[in-house]
N, C-alpha and C. Protein backbone atom coordinates (compact mmCIF):
# COMPACT_ATOMS: atom_id res chain seq x y z
N UNK A 1 82.70 -1.38 24.83
CA UNK A 1 83.37 0.37 25.32
C UNK A 1 84.22 0.15 26.39
N UNK A 2 85.75 0.34 25.61
CA UNK A 2 86.71 0.64 26.32
C UNK A 2 86.56 1.39 27.53
N UNK A 3 87.76 0.91 28.37
CA UNK A 3 87.50 1.82 29.67
C UNK A 3 88.25 3.22 29.46
N UNK A 4 87.48 4.40 30.59
CA UNK A 4 87.84 5.51 30.51
C UNK A 4 89.70 5.80 30.82
N UNK A 5 90.40 4.97 31.78
CA UNK A 5 91.64 5.05 31.42
C UNK A 5 92.36 4.95 30.29
N UNK A 6 91.93 4.68 28.98
CA UNK A 6 92.54 4.45 28.18
C UNK A 6 91.78 5.23 27.32
N UNK A 7 90.61 4.24 26.25
CA UNK A 7 90.33 5.29 25.21
C UNK A 7 88.53 5.29 25.36
N UNK A 8 87.90 6.08 25.60
CA UNK A 8 86.51 5.70 25.31
C UNK A 8 85.87 5.78 23.95
N UNK A 9 85.12 4.56 23.64
CA UNK A 9 85.00 4.17 22.44
C UNK A 9 82.91 4.47 22.21
N UNK A 10 82.41 4.00 21.10
CA UNK A 10 81.00 4.08 20.76
C UNK A 10 80.93 5.75 20.86
N UNK A 11 81.14 6.06 19.90
CA UNK A 11 80.87 7.52 19.28
C UNK A 11 79.93 7.62 18.88
N UNK A 12 79.17 8.73 18.79
CA UNK A 12 77.87 9.02 18.00
C UNK A 12 77.68 8.32 16.61
N UNK A 13 76.85 7.50 15.90
CA UNK A 13 76.44 7.38 14.78
C UNK A 13 76.95 8.20 13.88
N UNK A 14 78.11 8.08 12.48
CA UNK A 14 78.64 8.90 11.83
C UNK A 14 79.66 9.73 12.21
N UNK A 15 80.42 9.81 13.35
CA UNK A 15 81.40 10.10 14.03
C UNK A 15 82.27 9.17 14.61
N UNK A 16 83.91 9.15 13.42
CA UNK A 16 84.55 7.88 13.94
C UNK A 16 85.73 9.08 14.78
N UNK A 17 85.30 9.25 16.13
CA UNK A 17 86.38 9.66 16.93
C UNK A 17 86.16 8.40 18.17
N UNK A 18 87.53 9.07 18.66
CA UNK A 18 88.57 7.93 19.47
C UNK A 18 88.50 9.02 21.02
N UNK A 19 88.05 8.64 21.84
CA UNK A 19 88.19 9.63 23.33
C UNK A 19 89.45 9.31 23.92
N UNK A 20 90.22 10.38 24.92
CA UNK A 20 90.90 9.60 25.46
C UNK A 20 90.35 9.80 26.95
N UNK A 21 90.74 9.76 28.04
CA UNK A 21 90.41 10.29 29.19
C UNK A 21 90.28 12.13 29.06
N UNK A 22 91.37 12.43 28.91
CA UNK A 22 90.84 14.52 28.87
C UNK A 22 90.02 14.58 27.77
N UNK A 23 89.99 14.36 26.82
CA UNK A 23 88.88 14.70 25.64
C UNK A 23 87.90 13.95 26.39
N UNK A 24 87.24 13.15 26.78
CA UNK A 24 86.02 13.01 27.35
C UNK A 24 85.52 13.36 28.41
N UNK A 25 86.43 13.66 29.29
CA UNK A 25 85.70 14.78 30.63
C UNK A 25 85.91 16.13 29.74
N UNK A 26 86.76 16.31 28.96
CA UNK A 26 86.02 17.88 28.46
C UNK A 26 84.81 17.61 28.01
N UNK A 27 84.16 16.75 26.64
CA UNK A 27 83.20 16.90 26.06
C UNK A 27 82.07 16.74 27.47
N UNK A 28 81.81 15.94 28.26
CA UNK A 28 81.07 15.91 29.13
C UNK A 28 80.97 17.42 29.89
N UNK A 29 82.02 17.84 30.38
CA UNK A 29 82.13 19.05 30.83
C UNK A 29 81.12 19.99 30.13
N UNK A 30 81.18 20.07 28.65
CA UNK A 30 80.38 20.90 27.56
C UNK A 30 79.12 20.72 27.92
N UNK A 31 79.00 19.44 28.16
CA UNK A 31 77.24 18.82 28.21
C UNK A 31 76.86 19.74 28.81
N UNK A 32 77.48 19.32 30.62
CA UNK A 32 77.01 19.54 31.65
C UNK A 32 77.26 20.84 32.01
N UNK A 33 77.84 21.92 30.95
CA UNK A 33 77.62 23.29 30.80
C UNK A 33 76.18 23.49 30.31
N UNK A 34 76.36 23.04 29.00
CA UNK A 34 74.67 23.28 28.44
C UNK A 34 73.24 23.19 29.31
N UNK A 35 73.24 22.25 30.22
CA UNK A 35 72.10 21.67 31.12
C UNK A 35 72.14 22.63 32.32
N UNK A 36 73.40 23.15 32.29
CA UNK A 36 73.53 23.83 34.29
C UNK A 36 72.15 24.92 33.82
N UNK A 37 71.99 25.03 34.84
CA UNK A 37 70.96 26.35 35.14
C UNK A 37 69.99 25.61 36.13
N UNK A 38 69.32 26.57 36.90
CA UNK A 38 67.94 25.59 37.58
C UNK A 38 66.62 24.72 37.26
N UNK A 39 66.94 25.48 36.07
CA UNK A 39 65.60 25.65 34.55
C UNK A 39 65.51 24.97 33.77
N UNK A 40 66.77 25.06 33.17
CA UNK A 40 66.71 23.78 32.46
C UNK A 40 66.32 22.70 32.29
N UNK A 41 66.66 21.49 33.04
CA UNK A 41 65.95 20.17 33.13
C UNK A 41 65.10 20.57 33.23
N UNK A 42 64.19 20.86 33.93
CA UNK A 42 62.67 21.30 34.14
C UNK A 42 61.96 21.15 32.79
N UNK A 43 62.73 22.57 31.93
CA UNK A 43 61.99 22.86 30.47
C UNK A 43 62.32 21.47 30.07
N UNK A 44 63.25 20.92 29.49
CA UNK A 44 63.35 19.92 28.57
C UNK A 44 62.37 18.58 29.42
N UNK A 45 62.43 18.28 30.88
CA UNK A 45 61.28 16.98 30.92
C UNK A 45 60.08 17.81 30.53
N UNK A 46 59.49 18.88 30.63
CA UNK A 46 58.37 19.16 30.25
C UNK A 46 58.39 19.16 28.64
N UNK A 47 59.27 19.09 27.52
CA UNK A 47 59.24 19.16 26.03
C UNK A 47 59.74 17.54 25.85
N UNK A 48 60.16 16.89 26.79
CA UNK A 48 60.15 15.23 26.11
C UNK A 48 59.12 14.63 25.48
N UNK A 49 58.67 13.67 24.58
CA UNK A 49 57.82 12.95 24.60
C UNK A 49 57.54 13.91 23.31
N UNK A 50 58.16 14.61 22.23
CA UNK A 50 57.78 15.54 21.28
C UNK A 50 56.45 16.59 21.57
N UNK A 51 56.54 16.79 22.56
CA UNK A 51 55.43 17.97 23.12
C UNK A 51 56.05 19.40 22.86
N UNK A 52 55.21 20.06 22.21
CA UNK A 52 55.17 21.49 21.49
C UNK A 52 54.64 22.11 22.40
N UNK A 53 54.87 23.22 23.31
CA UNK A 53 54.60 24.02 23.82
C UNK A 53 54.43 25.68 23.83
N UNK A 54 53.61 26.25 23.87
CA UNK A 54 53.72 28.05 23.76
C UNK A 54 54.64 28.42 25.00
N UNK A 55 54.73 29.81 24.40
CA UNK A 55 55.73 30.27 25.70
C UNK A 55 54.48 30.33 27.29
N UNK A 56 53.53 30.58 27.22
CA UNK A 56 52.27 30.73 28.13
C UNK A 56 52.12 29.51 28.96
N UNK A 57 52.36 28.36 27.81
CA UNK A 57 52.22 27.63 28.68
C UNK A 57 53.36 26.46 29.73
N UNK A 58 54.46 27.29 28.98
CA UNK A 58 55.54 26.72 29.74
C UNK A 58 55.97 27.28 31.09
N UNK A 59 55.21 28.83 31.19
CA UNK A 59 54.87 29.67 32.04
C UNK A 59 54.15 29.23 33.28
N UNK A 60 53.34 28.60 32.38
CA UNK A 60 52.16 27.97 33.70
C UNK A 60 52.70 26.75 34.26
N UNK A 61 53.62 26.00 33.13
CA UNK A 61 53.73 24.71 33.59
C UNK A 61 55.34 24.58 35.06
N UNK A 62 55.63 25.70 35.40
CA UNK A 62 56.75 25.93 36.00
C UNK A 62 56.36 27.12 36.53
N UNK A 63 55.33 27.26 37.42
CA UNK A 63 54.92 28.64 37.85
C UNK A 63 56.20 29.24 39.01
N UNK A 64 57.12 28.45 39.43
CA UNK A 64 58.18 29.23 40.47
C UNK A 64 59.35 30.58 39.37
N UNK A 65 59.03 29.71 38.12
CA UNK A 65 60.42 30.66 37.18
C UNK A 65 59.82 31.95 37.19
N UNK A 66 60.61 33.24 37.21
CA UNK A 66 60.31 34.77 36.20
C UNK A 66 60.17 34.27 34.62
N UNK A 67 59.42 35.00 34.15
CA UNK A 67 59.29 35.37 33.15
C UNK A 67 60.54 35.59 32.18
N UNK A 68 61.77 36.27 32.71
CA UNK A 68 62.90 36.57 32.21
C UNK A 68 63.88 35.80 32.31
N UNK A 69 63.88 34.75 33.16
CA UNK A 69 64.44 33.41 33.49
C UNK A 69 63.91 32.43 32.23
N UNK A 70 62.60 32.49 32.17
CA UNK A 70 62.48 31.40 31.17
C UNK A 70 63.11 31.74 30.07
N UNK A 71 63.00 33.10 29.80
CA UNK A 71 63.08 33.41 28.37
C UNK A 71 65.26 33.40 28.44
N UNK A 72 65.47 33.60 29.09
CA UNK A 72 66.90 33.08 29.30
C UNK A 72 67.64 32.04 28.91
N UNK A 73 66.48 31.02 29.75
CA UNK A 73 66.83 29.15 29.52
C UNK A 73 66.59 29.16 28.33
N UNK A 74 65.63 29.08 27.70
CA UNK A 74 64.77 28.83 26.27
C UNK A 74 65.97 29.77 25.25
N UNK A 75 66.36 30.64 25.36
CA UNK A 75 67.69 30.94 24.59
C UNK A 75 68.77 30.64 25.05
N UNK A 76 69.45 29.84 25.90
CA UNK A 76 70.04 29.48 25.55
C UNK A 76 70.62 27.83 25.07
N UNK A 77 69.03 27.25 25.42
CA UNK A 77 69.27 25.74 25.26
C UNK A 77 68.86 25.95 23.48
N UNK A 78 67.90 27.01 23.04
CA UNK A 78 68.29 27.31 21.84
C UNK A 78 69.30 27.45 21.14
N UNK A 79 70.53 28.31 21.31
CA UNK A 79 71.77 28.46 20.72
C UNK A 79 72.36 27.30 20.70
N UNK A 80 72.47 26.33 22.18
CA UNK A 80 73.02 25.13 22.18
C UNK A 80 72.62 24.14 21.30
N UNK A 81 71.13 24.69 20.37
CA UNK A 81 70.88 23.36 19.77
C UNK A 81 69.66 22.22 19.72
N UNK A 82 69.24 22.48 21.64
CA UNK A 82 68.38 21.51 22.15
C UNK A 82 67.22 21.84 21.94
N UNK A 83 66.86 23.08 22.01
CA UNK A 83 65.28 23.68 21.77
C UNK A 83 65.12 24.00 20.45
N UNK A 84 64.09 23.98 19.81
CA UNK A 84 63.94 24.57 18.93
C UNK A 84 62.46 26.04 19.04
N UNK A 85 63.00 26.72 18.58
CA UNK A 85 61.53 28.26 18.78
C UNK A 85 60.82 28.59 17.13
N UNK A 86 59.41 28.05 17.23
CA UNK A 86 58.85 27.95 16.26
C UNK A 86 57.96 29.67 16.49
N UNK A 87 58.08 30.64 15.32
CA UNK A 87 57.47 31.46 15.36
C UNK A 87 56.22 31.56 14.24
N UNK A 88 55.21 31.43 14.35
CA UNK A 88 54.20 31.60 13.21
C UNK A 88 53.95 32.83 12.98
N UNK A 89 53.49 32.84 11.83
CA UNK A 89 53.66 34.71 11.11
C UNK A 89 52.14 34.92 11.36
N UNK A 90 51.51 35.31 12.44
CA UNK A 90 50.36 35.67 12.83
C UNK A 90 50.00 36.65 13.77
N UNK A 91 48.98 37.54 13.96
CA UNK A 91 48.75 38.41 14.91
C UNK A 91 47.67 38.33 15.58
N UNK A 92 48.07 38.31 17.32
CA UNK A 92 49.41 38.10 17.75
C UNK A 92 50.53 36.92 17.66
N UNK A 93 51.73 37.25 17.15
CA UNK A 93 53.13 35.91 17.26
C UNK A 93 52.42 34.88 18.02
N UNK A 94 52.57 33.81 17.16
CA UNK A 94 52.39 32.72 18.43
C UNK A 94 54.02 32.07 18.11
N UNK A 95 54.16 31.82 19.50
CA UNK A 95 55.93 31.27 19.75
C UNK A 95 55.68 30.00 20.64
N UNK A 96 56.12 28.83 19.86
CA UNK A 96 56.24 27.26 20.68
C UNK A 96 57.62 26.91 20.59
N UNK A 97 58.03 25.88 21.59
CA UNK A 97 59.04 25.50 21.85
C UNK A 97 59.07 24.10 21.83
N UNK A 98 60.14 23.44 21.13
CA UNK A 98 59.93 22.03 21.21
C UNK A 98 61.48 21.81 21.23
N UNK A 99 61.93 20.30 21.12
CA UNK A 99 63.21 20.12 21.15
C UNK A 99 63.47 19.36 19.93
N UNK A 100 64.91 19.72 19.75
CA UNK A 100 65.42 19.08 18.59
C UNK A 100 65.24 17.67 18.85
N UNK A 101 65.50 16.87 17.09
CA UNK A 101 65.75 15.56 17.31
C UNK A 101 67.02 15.09 18.21
N UNK A 102 68.10 15.91 18.28
CA UNK A 102 69.27 15.82 19.23
C UNK A 102 68.83 16.33 20.41
N UNK A 103 67.73 16.80 20.80
CA UNK A 103 67.36 17.54 22.40
C UNK A 103 66.46 16.34 22.68
N UNK A 104 66.04 15.80 21.96
CA UNK A 104 64.90 14.67 21.98
C UNK A 104 66.18 13.72 22.66
N UNK A 105 66.85 13.12 22.16
CA UNK A 105 67.89 11.80 22.16
C UNK A 105 68.46 12.20 23.58
N UNK A 106 68.84 13.28 24.04
CA UNK A 106 69.00 13.34 25.33
C UNK A 106 68.35 12.66 26.81
N UNK A 107 66.82 12.48 26.10
CA UNK A 107 66.09 11.56 27.20
C UNK A 107 66.66 10.31 27.89
N UNK A 108 66.88 9.66 26.46
CA UNK A 108 67.67 8.47 27.54
C UNK A 108 68.45 8.17 28.43
N UNK A 109 69.47 9.40 27.92
CA UNK A 109 70.64 9.59 28.61
C UNK A 109 70.34 10.25 30.09
N UNK A 110 69.40 11.16 30.14
CA UNK A 110 69.15 11.46 31.93
C UNK A 110 67.98 10.51 32.23
N UNK A 111 67.92 9.38 31.95
CA UNK A 111 66.67 8.33 32.36
C UNK A 111 67.77 7.85 32.99
N UNK A 112 69.37 7.21 32.28
CA UNK A 112 70.19 6.41 32.99
C UNK A 112 70.55 6.95 34.08
N UNK A 113 70.81 8.44 33.71
CA UNK A 113 71.66 9.06 34.99
C UNK A 113 70.69 9.10 36.67
N UNK A 114 69.46 9.46 35.85
CA UNK A 114 68.48 9.03 37.51
C UNK A 114 68.01 7.52 37.60
N UNK A 115 68.57 6.72 37.21
CA UNK A 115 68.35 5.23 37.44
C UNK A 115 69.86 5.04 37.73
N UNK A 116 70.99 5.52 37.73
CA UNK A 116 72.31 5.77 38.32
C UNK A 116 71.89 5.83 39.43
N UNK A 117 71.27 7.06 39.77
CA UNK A 117 71.67 7.82 41.35
C UNK A 117 70.70 7.14 42.14
N UNK A 118 69.81 6.43 41.26
CA UNK A 118 68.81 5.91 42.39
C UNK A 118 69.55 4.36 42.96
N UNK A 119 70.63 3.82 41.94
CA UNK A 119 71.50 2.85 43.11
C UNK A 119 72.64 3.63 43.81
N UNK A 120 72.25 4.53 44.13
CA UNK A 120 73.55 4.99 45.13
C UNK A 120 73.49 4.32 46.83
N UNK A 121 74.72 3.78 46.63
CA UNK A 121 74.65 3.04 47.94
C UNK A 121 74.23 4.42 49.34
N UNK A 122 73.52 3.77 50.54
CA UNK A 122 73.33 4.88 51.65
C UNK A 122 74.77 4.88 51.94
N UNK A 123 74.98 6.60 52.53
CA UNK A 123 75.81 7.24 52.78
C UNK A 123 76.15 6.98 54.63
């Protein structure tokens, strides 16, 4: 991969895209926008590893989140293609959430960010 002061390489499989510093920054800003919010990362970490959770299970797993906020965050993650909402046609309706393949592929990137943050020199 080349440095970001010229072009950023190693684009995702199937995409032949060359990034400039500006386009790379814009792409990362868009992904950060998708993940911003107090609860989105917490929701993602509960769903990593192929876990499928019902709405009520997510509520119990994250007791500090309000029902309204959980619904909002899940809807945003779903509209961004990170989370898949599965509605089972039964009475009462059963709704489950899981990560899309693309959402699951975010796990190594977040792990790398966490490891990078742990190497931060003492300020």
